[in-house]
Amino acid sequence: MTSPSFAFVPRNISKGGKQQGTCAHVPSSESSHSLKPTPAIERKSAYPGSSGSDKGKQKVSEPPAKPVYNEKDISVLAVLAFSDYALWLDSDLRRKTEESLQGEEQDAGFLPLSYLMRRAFGRENLGQDYMPTEANVVKAIRAYAGDVLEVRMLVSAPSASGWYPSWKPERGSVGGYEVRRKDWTTLLDNATREFTRGQWDDRTIYMENIPAQYHTIPGIIRFAQGLLSHSSCLVPIQNVILPPHHLDKAEDRPKCKGFALVTLGNAELCRMFLESWPWTRLFQPESDDFDLAEGNLDTKEASKFGFRTLPKARWDKLNEEYLAYRQKLISELADANEPPDISPDSDVRDVVDDVLEDTPAPPRNVTTMYSPYPFGCLVFARNLHLETNKTTLRALFCTAFESSLVDPAGIDYVDFNKGMDSCYLRLASPEHGRVLVDRFSSHPVVQSHGLDGIGKTPEASQKAIATEIIEGKKEEVYWEKVPEKVRRQAVEKAVKALNGKQSSTSVHTAPEHSEESRPRKKRNRG
């Protein structure tokens, strides 16, 4: 009895097979012979970091930032880069084409394929890693655009001196393929060479509600060509413009949001689209005399998404109306936020002025029990002696309250670090801050030594102690670093001082609530 034969699979290969099994679909070896090879160009290095051989759990790969086109899309972009509109718009392409037409018949009209590739994929802002190879472009042109473009391979690369100066880096990237249009003999006699911008605009239509699967420039061209059954024009789509957002930067790659401006090969194609897919279409178009494909997938998708078209001239007018309406709304919102302009009579104005003169200005910030910190109770002092200490500074600044009506124990805390020539003073009330600043402004003093708690008149070469009340953002930032419990005590003390409810006993015993006078915890020496 023979045992069933099992294929021996090495461990390394079996692991690789499991990882391959995570793909969406892997055809078997038997069915692969009957399947038509896909035209998509597979490039392993197209998206770095997305290899399927990563260890551990495989994470869902993010969508690539740059597209990799299949052969049909590559051929569409190559034809678009060599269209009549491209020759009219690109002066460098037009000049090089005219120069090449002056050569011998077997070489007339040919341009380096690499030069055309830069024109074709430059508008897509593709990096070098995402650019298809010349061999892939040649394969795509021969498969899908052989009736429009002609490609040939040179045994030796053409001389770069005729195309680029010796000092330019593009000189070594000419390549060994050349391309020209099949109708190169009539290029110089083409009427579009003398077109104006207005004539091209007459051949441009606005397309809206483009199906989601066609939201790329090659996709829009394939979709538009799919709606045409046949056309005598070799290149029915001459150009595609994706209108940018008003916040987009100049270097941003344009993104399709379901609408585009499409330039067609002739006025007849414009008429076909505008009449078969009008702006106010109420029913699905049926078979008619126009060369629009009926019953195919593109037509069904267009009807499903509500595809419609509009002449560019009409779109420009609607765009101007929209911008004017948008500016009107912005102006109305700005006017609504402005206070009304009321012009009272002269008698009323005089009465109002008299009332305002007698009314004192309200304080900007009044401390309440719900305030995050006491407003106006922080003073910054500088030009102190470098060898002073907190006790000396408290005695020095308390001298400002000796000849005033405020409580002499108004300094709640001296925020000072040794070796510094500045400090912060937390005061019991805003009135203490104003009295202290006024005192040191009218009677400037300096410390003669580090333990000088009285001060003396400064000499000409000495800087007097300067004080200022900290307000606004600086005050907010400082109090944010103070513990919440200390801030609450400071707010309560300031509110009591403002309301005049703080008795002399509570005022004199205030230092026992300050940070400096807290009893130190005994250290357990066990």
Protein backbone atom coordinates (compact mmCIF):
# COMPACT_ATOMS: atom_id res chain seq x y z
CA MET A 1 0.00 0.00 0.00
CA THR A 2 1.41 3.31 -1.05
CA SER A 3 1.05 6.24 1.25
CA PRO A 4 -0.45 9.45 -0.17
CA SER A 5 2.21 11.72 -1.55
CA PHE A 6 2.57 15.05 0.19
CA ALA A 7 4.71 17.76 -1.31
CA PHE A 8 7.61 18.65 0.93
CA VAL A 9 7.59 22.36 1.70
CA PRO A 10 10.66 23.81 3.45
CA ARG A 11 10.03 25.89 6.53
CA ASN A 12 11.24 29.17 5.03
CA ILE A 13 9.09 28.75 1.95
CA SER A 14 6.06 27.80 4.02
CA LYS A 15 6.42 30.97 6.07
CA GLY A 16 6.60 32.99 2.92
CA GLY A 17 3.53 31.24 1.59
CA LYS A 18 1.56 32.20 4.71
CA GLN A 19 2.48 35.80 4.22
CA GLN A 20 1.46 35.63 0.61
CA GLY A 21 -1.84 34.20 1.71
CA THR A 22 -2.71 37.49 3.33
CA CYS A 23 -3.15 39.11 -0.08
CA ALA A 24 -6.66 39.74 -1.33
CA HIS A 25 -6.44 37.20 -4.19
CA VAL A 26 -3.67 34.93 -5.46
CA PRO A 27 -4.59 32.90 -8.57
CA SER A 28 -3.55 29.26 -8.67
CA SER A 29 -1.02 27.90 -11.08
CA GLU A 30 -3.71 26.13 -13.10
CA SER A 31 -5.91 29.18 -13.53
CA SER A 32 -3.01 31.52 -14.22
CA HIS A 33 -2.63 30.12 -17.73
CA SER A 34 -6.18 31.01 -18.65
CA LEU A 35 -6.14 34.50 -17.18
CA LYS A 36 -5.16 37.47 -19.29
CA PRO A 37 -2.10 39.18 -17.85
CA THR A 38 -3.01 42.42 -16.10
CA PRO A 39 -1.63 45.61 -17.63
CA ALA A 40 -0.71 47.03 -14.25
CA ILE A 41 2.97 47.65 -13.79
CA GLU A 42 4.23 46.12 -10.56
CA ARG A 43 7.15 47.90 -8.97
CA LYS A 44 8.37 46.56 -5.65
CA SER A 45 10.16 49.78 -4.74
CA ALA A 46 7.22 52.04 -5.55
CA TYR A 47 6.10 52.37 -1.94
CA PRO A 48 8.95 52.05 0.50
CA GLY A 49 8.15 50.51 3.85
CA SER A 50 5.12 48.55 2.69
CA SER A 51 6.80 45.17 2.15
CA GLY A 52 4.75 42.12 3.06
CA SER A 53 7.68 40.37 4.78
CA ASP A 54 7.45 42.38 8.00
CA LYS A 55 7.61 40.34 11.17
CA GLY A 56 4.74 40.15 13.62
CA LYS A 57 1.21 41.22 12.84
CA GLN A 58 0.76 42.84 9.49
CA LYS A 59 -0.66 46.33 9.82
CA VAL A 60 -3.00 47.81 7.28
CA SER A 61 -0.77 49.74 4.92
CA GLU A 62 -1.62 53.40 4.40
CA PRO A 63 -2.62 54.51 0.91
CA PRO A 64 0.36 55.68 -1.11
CA ALA A 65 0.93 59.39 -1.36
CA LYS A 66 1.79 59.13 -5.06
CA PRO A 67 -0.04 57.08 -7.71
CA VAL A 68 1.50 54.32 -9.78
CA TYR A 69 -0.25 54.19 -13.15
CA ASN A 70 -1.06 51.15 -15.25
CA GLU A 71 -0.10 50.91 -18.90
CA LYS A 72 -3.30 52.48 -20.20
CA ASP A 73 -2.95 55.49 -17.91
CA ILE A 74 0.69 55.87 -18.93
CA SER A 75 -0.27 55.92 -22.60
CA VAL A 76 -2.99 58.51 -21.88
CA LEU A 77 -0.51 60.82 -20.14
CA ALA A 78 2.05 60.39 -22.93
CA VAL A 79 -0.51 61.34 -25.60
CA LEU A 80 -1.68 64.28 -23.49
CA ALA A 81 1.88 65.58 -23.19
CA PHE A 82 2.23 65.60 -27.02
CA SER A 83 -1.25 66.95 -27.87
CA ASP A 84 -2.00 70.02 -29.97
CA TYR A 85 -2.86 71.96 -26.81
CA ALA A 86 0.46 70.98 -25.19
CA LEU A 87 2.35 72.16 -28.29
CA TRP A 88 0.44 75.45 -28.20
CA LEU A 89 0.95 76.01 -24.46
CA ASP A 90 4.53 74.75 -23.96
CA SER A 91 6.91 77.00 -25.88
CA ASP A 92 9.93 74.79 -25.17
CA LEU A 93 8.15 71.67 -26.47
CA ARG A 94 7.00 73.59 -29.53
CA ARG A 95 10.49 74.92 -30.28
CA LYS A 96 12.15 71.51 -29.93
CA THR A 97 9.49 69.90 -32.13
CA GLU A 98 9.95 72.50 -34.86
CA GLU A 99 13.73 72.08 -34.73
CA SER A 100 13.43 68.30 -35.04
CA LEU A 101 11.15 68.66 -38.07
CA GLN A 102 13.97 70.40 -39.93
CA GLY A 103 16.05 67.21 -39.99
CA GLU A 104 16.06 64.31 -42.41
CA GLU A 105 12.84 62.40 -43.02
CA GLN A 106 13.78 59.35 -40.97
CA ASP A 107 14.65 61.57 -37.98
CA ALA A 108 12.10 64.36 -38.41
CA GLY A 109 9.74 64.93 -35.50
CA PHE A 110 11.47 62.58 -33.04
CA LEU A 111 12.09 63.76 -29.47
CA PRO A 112 13.84 61.91 -26.62
CA LEU A 113 11.29 59.84 -24.75
CA SER A 114 12.72 60.94 -21.39
CA TYR A 115 12.05 64.56 -22.32
CA LEU A 116 8.40 63.76 -23.05
CA MET A 117 8.12 61.74 -19.82
CA ARG A 118 9.14 64.76 -17.77
CA ARG A 119 6.40 66.72 -19.50
CA ALA A 120 3.84 63.94 -19.04
CA PHE A 121 4.43 63.21 -15.36
CA GLY A 122 5.71 66.61 -14.22
CA ARG A 123 2.21 67.95 -13.66
CA GLU A 124 1.55 65.00 -11.34
CA ASN A 125 4.50 65.96 -9.08
CA LEU A 126 5.81 62.40 -9.12
CA GLY A 127 9.12 61.67 -7.45
CA GLN A 128 11.87 59.72 -9.16
CA ASP A 129 10.88 56.56 -7.29
CA TYR A 130 7.37 56.71 -8.72
CA MET A 131 8.29 57.48 -12.33
CA PRO A 132 7.76 54.55 -14.71
CA THR A 133 10.77 53.30 -16.62
CA GLU A 134 11.26 54.08 -20.29
CA ALA A 135 10.66 50.42 -21.16
CA ASN A 136 7.27 50.55 -19.42
CA VAL A 137 6.32 53.75 -21.27
CA VAL A 138 7.35 52.23 -24.62
CA LYS A 139 5.30 49.13 -23.88
CA ALA A 140 2.27 51.23 -22.92
CA ILE A 141 2.49 53.43 -26.04
CA ARG A 142 2.80 50.46 -28.37
CA ALA A 143 -0.13 48.70 -26.69
CA TYR A 144 -2.64 51.57 -26.42
CA ALA A 145 -1.40 54.62 -28.36
CA GLY A 146 0.21 53.12 -31.44
CA ASP A 147 -2.16 55.05 -33.74
CA VAL A 148 -1.05 58.38 -32.26
CA LEU A 149 2.61 58.02 -31.31
CA GLU A 150 5.55 56.25 -32.89
CA VAL A 151 8.43 54.98 -30.77
CA ARG A 152 11.82 53.77 -31.86
CA MET A 153 14.86 52.47 -30.00
CA LEU A 154 18.32 53.76 -30.79
CA VAL A 155 21.31 51.49 -30.76
CA SER A 156 23.32 54.28 -29.18
CA ALA A 157 21.89 57.05 -27.07
CA PRO A 158 21.52 60.35 -28.96
CA SER A 159 24.00 63.10 -28.30
CA ALA A 160 23.04 65.22 -25.33
CA SER A 161 24.85 68.33 -26.55
CA GLY A 162 22.09 69.12 -28.98
CA TRP A 163 19.45 69.20 -26.26
CA TYR A 164 21.14 70.37 -23.10
CA PRO A 165 24.24 72.42 -22.24
CA SER A 166 27.17 70.52 -20.78
CA TRP A 167 26.65 72.00 -17.34
CA LYS A 168 23.02 70.88 -16.95
CA PRO A 169 22.28 67.69 -14.98
CA GLU A 170 19.64 66.61 -17.54
CA ARG A 171 22.32 65.92 -20.10
CA GLY A 172 22.91 62.34 -18.98
CA SER A 173 19.20 61.45 -18.83
CA VAL A 174 18.30 61.59 -22.53
CA GLY A 175 17.90 57.81 -22.89
CA GLY A 176 17.86 55.41 -25.81
CA TYR A 177 14.23 55.83 -27.02
CA GLU A 178 12.68 58.51 -29.19
CA VAL A 179 9.05 59.30 -29.90
CA ARG A 180 7.13 61.32 -32.45
CA ARG A 181 3.57 61.84 -33.53
CA LYS A 182 2.19 59.81 -36.40
CA ASP A 183 0.93 62.99 -38.10
CA TRP A 184 4.32 64.69 -37.88
CA THR A 185 4.18 65.65 -41.57
CA THR A 186 1.23 68.02 -40.95
CA LEU A 187 2.28 69.47 -37.61
CA LEU A 188 3.62 72.71 -39.11
CA ASP A 189 0.34 73.20 -41.00
CA ASN A 190 -1.89 72.52 -37.99
CA ALA A 191 -4.41 75.33 -37.48
CA THR A 192 -4.18 75.06 -33.71
CA ARG A 193 -0.68 76.56 -33.80
CA GLU A 194 -2.29 79.97 -34.39
CA PHE A 195 -5.08 79.54 -31.83
CA THR A 196 -5.77 82.13 -29.15
CA ARG A 197 -6.78 81.51 -25.55
CA GLY A 198 -10.39 82.33 -26.41
CA GLN A 199 -10.51 79.71 -29.16
CA TRP A 200 -9.28 77.01 -26.78
CA ASP A 201 -11.84 78.17 -24.20
CA ASP A 202 -14.58 77.65 -26.80
CA ARG A 203 -13.49 73.99 -26.96
CA THR A 204 -13.42 73.61 -23.17
CA ILE A 205 -16.34 72.32 -21.12
CA TYR A 206 -16.91 71.95 -17.39
CA MET A 207 -17.66 68.40 -16.22
CA GLU A 208 -19.31 67.80 -12.85
CA ASN A 209 -20.31 64.70 -10.87
CA ILE A 210 -17.58 62.60 -12.43
CA PRO A 211 -17.81 59.01 -11.08
CA ALA A 212 -15.55 58.40 -8.12
CA GLN A 213 -13.47 55.69 -9.81
CA TYR A 214 -12.26 58.22 -12.41
CA HIS A 215 -10.92 60.91 -10.05
CA THR A 216 -7.51 61.22 -11.72
CA ILE A 217 -6.42 63.01 -14.88
CA PRO A 218 -5.96 59.73 -16.82
CA GLY A 219 -9.23 58.45 -15.36
CA ILE A 220 -11.15 61.53 -16.51
CA ILE A 221 -9.73 61.12 -20.02
CA ARG A 222 -10.66 57.42 -20.14
CA PHE A 223 -14.14 58.25 -18.84
CA ALA A 224 -14.68 60.98 -21.44
CA GLN A 225 -13.39 58.77 -24.25
CA GLY A 226 -15.63 55.96 -23.02
CA LEU A 227 -18.68 58.16 -23.54
CA LEU A 228 -17.70 58.53 -27.21
CA SER A 229 -18.35 55.58 -29.48
CA HIS A 230 -16.01 56.79 -32.20
CA SER A 231 -14.47 60.05 -33.30
CA SER A 232 -12.47 61.18 -36.30
CA CYS A 233 -10.19 63.12 -33.96
CA LEU A 234 -7.07 61.12 -33.05
CA VAL A 235 -6.75 62.94 -29.72
CA PRO A 236 -10.30 63.87 -28.61
CA ILE A 237 -9.13 65.07 -25.18
CA GLN A 238 -6.51 67.80 -25.43
CA ASN A 239 -6.18 68.91 -21.81
CA VAL A 240 -7.62 68.43 -18.32
CA ILE A 241 -7.52 71.06 -15.57
CA LEU A 242 -8.47 70.32 -11.96
CA PRO A 243 -9.65 73.63 -10.43
CA PRO A 244 -7.64 74.18 -7.25
CA HIS A 245 -9.00 75.13 -3.85
CA HIS A 246 -8.43 78.75 -2.85
CA LEU A 247 -6.28 77.56 0.09
CA ASP A 248 -4.07 75.27 -2.01
CA LYS A 249 -0.40 76.20 -2.42
CA ALA A 250 1.33 76.50 -5.77
CA GLU A 251 3.40 73.35 -5.18
CA ASP A 252 0.42 71.22 -4.07
CA ARG A 253 -0.63 68.41 -6.37
CA PRO A 254 -4.15 69.14 -7.66
CA LYS A 255 -6.83 66.75 -6.44
CA CYS A 256 -10.00 65.84 -8.26
CA LYS A 257 -13.15 66.59 -6.26
CA GLY A 258 -15.57 65.32 -8.87
CA PHE A 259 -15.31 68.14 -11.38
CA ALA A 260 -12.80 69.28 -14.01
CA LEU A 261 -12.31 71.55 -17.03
CA VAL A 262 -11.75 69.39 -20.12
CA THR A 263 -10.48 70.77 -23.45
CA LEU A 264 -11.71 68.76 -26.45
CA GLY A 265 -10.27 68.30 -29.91
CA ASN A 266 -12.97 70.17 -31.84
CA ALA A 267 -16.24 72.04 -31.39
CA GLU A 268 -18.31 69.04 -32.54
CA LEU A 269 -17.20 67.01 -29.52
CA CYS A 270 -18.20 69.89 -27.25
CA ARG A 271 -21.65 69.95 -28.81
CA MET A 272 -22.03 66.20 -28.31
CA PHE A 273 -21.30 66.40 -24.59
CA LEU A 274 -23.34 69.56 -23.96
CA GLU A 275 -26.44 68.22 -25.71
CA SER A 276 -26.27 64.66 -24.40
CA TRP A 277 -25.26 65.52 -20.82
CA PRO A 278 -26.79 68.99 -20.26
CA TRP A 279 -26.56 70.93 -17.02
CA THR A 280 -30.28 70.53 -16.29
CA ARG A 281 -30.73 66.92 -17.38
CA LEU A 282 -34.11 65.53 -16.33
CA PHE A 283 -33.93 62.09 -17.92
CA GLN A 284 -31.35 59.51 -18.92
CA PRO A 285 -30.22 60.05 -22.54
CA GLU A 286 -31.41 57.53 -25.04
CA SER A 287 -29.86 56.56 -28.36
CA ASP A 288 -29.54 59.53 -30.68
CA ASP A 289 -27.57 60.67 -33.67
CA PHE A 290 -24.58 61.77 -31.66
CA ASP A 291 -21.47 59.65 -31.30
CA LEU A 292 -21.99 58.94 -27.62
CA ALA A 293 -21.68 55.31 -26.55
CA GLU A 294 -24.95 53.92 -25.24
CA GLY A 295 -25.33 51.03 -22.87
CA ASN A 296 -21.66 50.75 -21.90
CA LEU A 297 -20.33 50.88 -18.36
CA ASP A 298 -19.17 54.50 -18.56
CA THR A 299 -22.61 55.68 -19.69
CA LYS A 300 -24.30 53.79 -16.85
CA GLU A 301 -21.89 55.22 -14.31
CA ALA A 302 -22.41 58.73 -15.67
CA SER A 303 -26.18 58.40 -15.32
CA LYS A 304 -25.81 56.90 -11.85
CA PHE A 305 -23.67 59.78 -10.52
CA GLY A 306 -25.68 62.52 -12.29
CA PHE A 307 -22.89 63.51 -14.67
CA ARG A 308 -23.50 66.86 -16.40
CA THR A 309 -21.58 69.41 -18.46
CA LEU A 310 -21.49 73.14 -18.97
CA PRO A 311 -19.64 75.46 -21.40
CA LYS A 312 -16.57 77.09 -19.89
CA ALA A 313 -17.89 80.59 -20.63
CA ARG A 314 -21.01 79.84 -18.60
CA TRP A 315 -18.90 78.29 -15.84
CA ASP A 316 -16.72 81.41 -15.67
CA LYS A 317 -19.82 83.55 -15.27
CA LEU A 318 -21.23 81.34 -12.51
CA ASN A 319 -17.83 81.36 -10.80
CA GLU A 320 -17.78 85.17 -10.81
CA GLU A 321 -21.28 85.26 -9.37
CA TYR A 322 -20.25 82.82 -6.66
CA LEU A 323 -17.18 84.84 -5.71
CA ALA A 324 -19.26 88.02 -5.58
CA TYR A 325 -21.87 86.32 -3.40
CA ARG A 326 -19.15 84.92 -1.13
CA GLN A 327 -17.61 88.37 -0.70
CA LYS A 328 -21.05 89.80 0.05
CA LEU A 329 -21.61 87.26 2.82
CA ILE A 330 -18.19 88.02 4.32
CA SER A 331 -18.94 91.76 4.28
CA GLU A 332 -22.34 91.22 5.90
CA LEU A 333 -20.79 89.13 8.66
CA ALA A 334 -18.14 91.79 9.25
CA ASP A 335 -20.78 94.53 9.41
CA ALA A 336 -22.91 92.48 11.81
CA ASN A 337 -20.04 92.28 14.30
CA GLU A 338 -19.46 96.04 14.30
CA PRO A 339 -21.40 98.19 16.83
CA PRO A 340 -24.21 100.30 15.33
CA ASP A 341 -23.37 103.87 14.43
CA ILE A 342 -25.79 106.02 16.50
CA SER A 343 -25.63 109.79 16.14
CA PRO A 344 -27.73 111.37 18.94
CA ASP A 345 -28.77 114.99 19.05
CA SER A 346 -26.41 117.58 20.45
CA ASP A 347 -28.46 117.98 23.65
CA VAL A 348 -28.44 114.25 24.31
CA ARG A 349 -24.71 114.09 23.60
CA ASP A 350 -23.98 116.81 26.17
CA VAL A 351 -25.99 114.99 28.85
CA VAL A 352 -24.20 111.73 28.12
CA ASP A 353 -20.79 113.42 28.30
CA ASP A 354 -21.63 114.94 31.68
CA VAL A 355 -22.72 111.56 33.06
CA LEU A 356 -19.62 109.82 31.76
CA GLU A 357 -17.34 112.45 33.31
CA ASP A 358 -18.90 111.89 36.73
CA THR A 359 -18.78 108.11 36.48
CA PRO A 360 -15.47 106.55 37.56
CA ALA A 361 -13.90 104.05 35.19
CA PRO A 362 -14.52 100.45 36.35
CA PRO A 363 -11.46 98.36 37.15
CA ARG A 364 -10.29 96.02 34.44
CA ASN A 365 -9.96 92.95 36.67
CA VAL A 366 -11.74 92.62 40.00
CA THR A 367 -10.86 89.67 42.18
CA THR A 368 -13.81 87.53 43.26
CA MET A 369 -14.08 84.20 45.03
CA TYR A 370 -14.27 82.54 41.59
CA SER A 371 -11.10 84.19 40.24
CA PRO A 372 -8.24 81.81 39.36
CA TYR A 373 -5.76 84.07 41.14
CA PRO A 374 -5.73 87.54 42.82
CA PHE A 375 -5.48 90.25 40.17
CA GLY A 376 -2.96 93.07 40.68
CA CYS A 377 -1.29 91.45 43.68
CA LEU A 378 2.01 90.54 42.01
CA VAL A 379 5.00 92.94 41.95
CA PHE A 380 8.34 92.36 40.26
CA ALA A 381 11.46 94.00 41.75
CA ARG A 382 14.94 94.17 40.23
CA ASN A 383 18.38 95.71 40.88
CA LEU A 384 18.66 93.96 44.25
CA HIS A 385 21.89 93.13 46.04
CA LEU A 386 23.27 89.75 44.94
CA GLU A 387 23.96 88.67 48.57
CA THR A 388 20.54 89.53 50.03
CA ASN A 389 17.94 87.08 51.37
CA LYS A 390 14.18 86.75 51.77
CA THR A 391 14.07 88.10 55.35
CA THR A 392 15.99 91.24 54.40
CA LEU A 393 13.82 91.82 51.33
CA ARG A 394 10.62 91.49 53.38
CA ALA A 395 11.87 94.12 55.83
CA LEU A 396 13.04 96.38 52.99
CA PHE A 397 9.74 96.36 51.06
CA CYS A 398 7.59 96.61 54.20
CA THR A 399 9.02 100.08 54.72
CA ALA A 400 6.76 101.25 51.90
CA PHE A 401 3.68 100.70 54.14
CA GLU A 402 4.92 102.61 57.22
CA SER A 403 3.52 105.99 56.22
CA SER A 404 0.35 104.66 54.50
CA LEU A 405 -3.09 103.54 55.67
CA VAL A 406 -2.75 99.99 54.43
CA ASP A 407 -1.85 97.09 56.70
CA PRO A 408 1.94 96.98 57.19
CA ALA A 409 1.93 93.17 56.93
CA GLY A 410 0.89 93.26 53.28
CA ILE A 411 3.65 91.10 51.85
CA ASP A 412 2.36 87.54 51.73
CA TYR A 413 5.38 85.88 50.16
CA VAL A 414 8.81 86.83 48.76
CA ASP A 415 9.62 84.66 45.73
CA PHE A 416 13.41 84.95 45.65
CA ASN A 417 16.35 82.69 44.80
CA LYS A 418 19.80 83.30 46.25
CA GLY A 419 22.31 84.93 43.96
CA MET A 420 19.64 86.69 41.87
CA ASP A 421 19.16 90.44 41.60
CA SER A 422 15.37 90.24 41.16
CA CYS A 423 12.34 88.75 42.92
CA TYR A 424 8.54 88.54 42.85
CA LEU A 425 6.39 89.85 45.73
CA ARG A 426 2.95 88.39 46.39
CA LEU A 427 0.88 91.03 48.16
CA ALA A 428 -2.30 90.81 50.22
CA SER A 429 -4.30 93.19 47.99
CA PRO A 430 -3.96 95.32 44.85
CA GLU A 431 -3.81 98.43 47.04
CA HIS A 432 -0.61 97.14 48.66
CA GLY A 433 0.91 96.75 45.20
CA ARG A 434 0.07 100.30 44.16
CA VAL A 435 1.39 101.75 47.44
CA LEU A 436 4.65 99.77 47.17
CA VAL A 437 5.32 100.75 43.56
CA ASP A 438 4.50 104.42 44.21
CA ARG A 439 6.79 104.50 47.25
CA PHE A 440 9.85 103.06 45.49
CA SER A 441 9.20 105.24 42.43
CA SER A 442 9.07 108.47 44.43
CA HIS A 443 11.84 107.48 46.88
CA PRO A 444 14.47 105.46 45.02
CA VAL A 445 16.81 103.42 47.18
CA VAL A 446 19.56 100.83 46.84
CA GLN A 447 20.93 98.18 49.19
CA SER A 448 24.35 99.05 50.52
CA HIS A 449 24.99 95.41 51.43
CA GLY A 450 23.20 92.08 51.40
CA LEU A 451 21.59 92.52 54.83
CA ASP A 452 20.47 96.12 54.28
CA GLY A 453 16.72 96.11 55.07
CA ILE A 454 16.32 99.91 54.99
CA GLY A 455 18.14 101.08 51.87
CA LYS A 456 19.96 104.30 51.05
CA THR A 457 19.86 106.98 48.38
CA PRO A 458 21.60 105.68 45.26
CA GLU A 459 24.70 107.35 43.86
CA ALA A 460 25.00 108.49 40.27
CA SER A 461 26.61 105.20 39.17
CA GLN A 462 24.13 102.97 41.01
CA LYS A 463 20.80 101.66 39.75
CA ALA A 464 17.90 102.14 42.11
CA ILE A 465 15.57 99.30 42.99
CA ALA A 466 12.81 99.26 40.38
CA THR A 467 9.34 97.79 40.94
CA GLU A 468 6.37 97.18 38.66
CA ILE A 469 2.97 95.54 38.93
CA ILE A 470 2.72 92.41 36.76
CA GLU A 471 -0.54 92.12 34.82
CA GLY A 472 -1.98 90.30 31.85
CA LYS A 473 -0.41 87.21 30.34
CA LYS A 474 2.76 87.37 32.48
CA GLU A 475 0.65 87.43 35.62
CA GLU A 476 -1.41 84.47 34.41
CA VAL A 477 1.68 82.42 33.55
CA TYR A 478 3.24 83.10 36.96
CA TRP A 479 0.18 82.10 39.00
CA GLU A 480 -0.26 78.91 36.96
CA LYS A 481 2.95 77.62 38.56
CA VAL A 482 1.70 78.32 42.10
CA PRO A 483 -0.07 75.43 43.92
CA GLU A 484 -3.87 75.54 43.86
CA LYS A 485 -4.20 75.71 47.65
CA VAL A 486 -1.88 78.74 47.88
CA ARG A 487 -3.79 80.49 45.08
CA ARG A 488 -7.11 79.91 46.87
CA GLN A 489 -5.75 81.44 50.08
CA ALA A 490 -4.39 84.44 48.16
CA VAL A 491 -7.75 84.97 46.42
CA GLU A 492 -9.65 84.79 49.72
CA LYS A 493 -7.31 87.28 51.34
CA ALA A 494 -7.58 89.71 48.40
CA VAL A 495 -11.40 89.48 48.38
CA LYS A 496 -11.57 90.20 52.11
CA ALA A 497 -9.26 93.18 51.69
CA LEU A 498 -11.38 94.56 48.83
CA ASN A 499 -14.64 94.14 50.76
CA GLY A 500 -13.20 95.72 53.90
CA LYS A 501 -14.29 92.72 55.99
CA GLN A 502 -10.85 91.74 57.13
CA SER A 503 -10.44 92.64 60.79
CA SER A 504 -7.20 93.87 62.25
CA THR A 505 -6.76 90.60 64.12
CA SER A 506 -7.00 88.53 60.98
CA VAL A 507 -4.71 90.94 59.19
CA HIS A 508 -2.00 90.74 61.80
CA THR A 509 -2.23 87.00 61.92
CA ALA A 510 -2.07 86.71 58.12
CA PRO A 511 1.62 85.74 58.02
CA GLU A 512 0.78 82.46 59.71
CA HIS A 513 -1.15 81.55 56.57
CA SER A 514 1.69 82.57 54.25
CA GLU A 515 4.08 80.15 52.67
CA GLU A 516 7.10 81.42 54.62
CA SER A 517 5.49 81.14 58.06
CA ARG A 518 4.18 77.60 57.72
CA PRO A 519 5.42 75.35 60.56
CA ARG A 520 8.00 72.95 59.35
CA LYS A 521 7.15 69.29 59.64
CA LYS A 522 9.22 67.36 62.12
CA ARG A 523 11.34 64.70 60.52
CA ASN A 524 10.74 61.23 61.86
CA ARG A 525 14.03 59.73 62.86
CA GLY A 526 13.16 56.17 63.36
